[in-house]
Amino acid sequence: MTDVPERAHRAGVVALLGRPNAGKSTLLNRLLGEQLAIVTHKPQTTRSRILGILNTDDAQLLLLDTPGFHVSGKSLNKALNEIVDRVAEDCDAAVLLVDPGPGWDEGHDAIRARLERRGAHVIVVATKQDLARGRDSGIPDALPVSAETGEGMDELLAKMVDALPESAPFYGPDEITDRPMRFLVAELVRQTVFEELGQELPYSTAVEVLAYDESREDLIKIQANLIVERKSQKGMVVGKGGAMIKRLGQRSRAAIEELVGGRVHLELWVKVEPKWTKRPNRLKALGYD
């Protein structure tokens, strides 16, 4: 009987790229089996590079969720596009996600060409197949997947692993991200804000964790600011008699407790910072760099 040679271990960076709301964050969370990235029905909720570390028997995939690429002159949107550009230039492979609704456009052409010029392996994926109802992305080589149902996920994972170079792991087997807990907490609070006030509140909302105290074994104490641009927005977040900020705090605390696996005391305040989305240094301080 012939022995089958053991497959060499592979490791590398796989960027998840696409237009806003193409399903990048949902795909990342599905692959990891953990919620690292914000998932809402509103586009452009991912604002930072988020690394998810996926270990298999013979590979370690460093999955990079990115903001959706788009064209805009606004400072915040410019910062988000710069994140996408840097990730695209620094990956071993890229999964280019296409929503079957809007389909393929010139933006996909441009980023695919840039990736292929520098030698990155590109895997084109048609997402949201559970909602597509017979539509396709307009690209014949697209792999149909659904992060909701799991369709195509095994094939996608195999393609990603095959595209990586032979390498030892970069992170330990128990690590799932390079982001600190403060960042994950801020993202959970921001997701709650989107879910509760998505129709009323514009995108000019951020969360800044001021304190993360783990000195007690039985309780984590967290203090955070919800940052808005105008006083009228502060009124929406606080709500009548403080009802909304109380609800935001309760829902956020429950989500954080599930993440950390323990009790949490969360204090939220609302802070007005006019034009924070147009100030490069403030964007950098909030992690959008």
Foldseek 3Di string as FASTA:
>chain_A
DDDDDDDFAFEWEEEEAEAWPLCQQLLLCLQQVHRQAFDDNDTQLDQFWWWFWHDDPRYIYTYTYAHYQDDDDFLSNVLRNVRVVVSLLGTQAYEYGAELPVADDVVSVVSVVVSVVNPHHYAYAHEPPVPQVPGTRPDPRHQYAYSVVGPRVVVVVVVVRVSGDRDDDPDDPPDTTPDDPQVSLFRLLSSLCCVVQVVPADPQWGKHWPDWDCPDVQETETEMEIEHADPVVQCVCCDVVSVNVVVSQVSSQVVSCVVVVHHYHYHYDYDHDHPLSRDVVSCVVRNSD
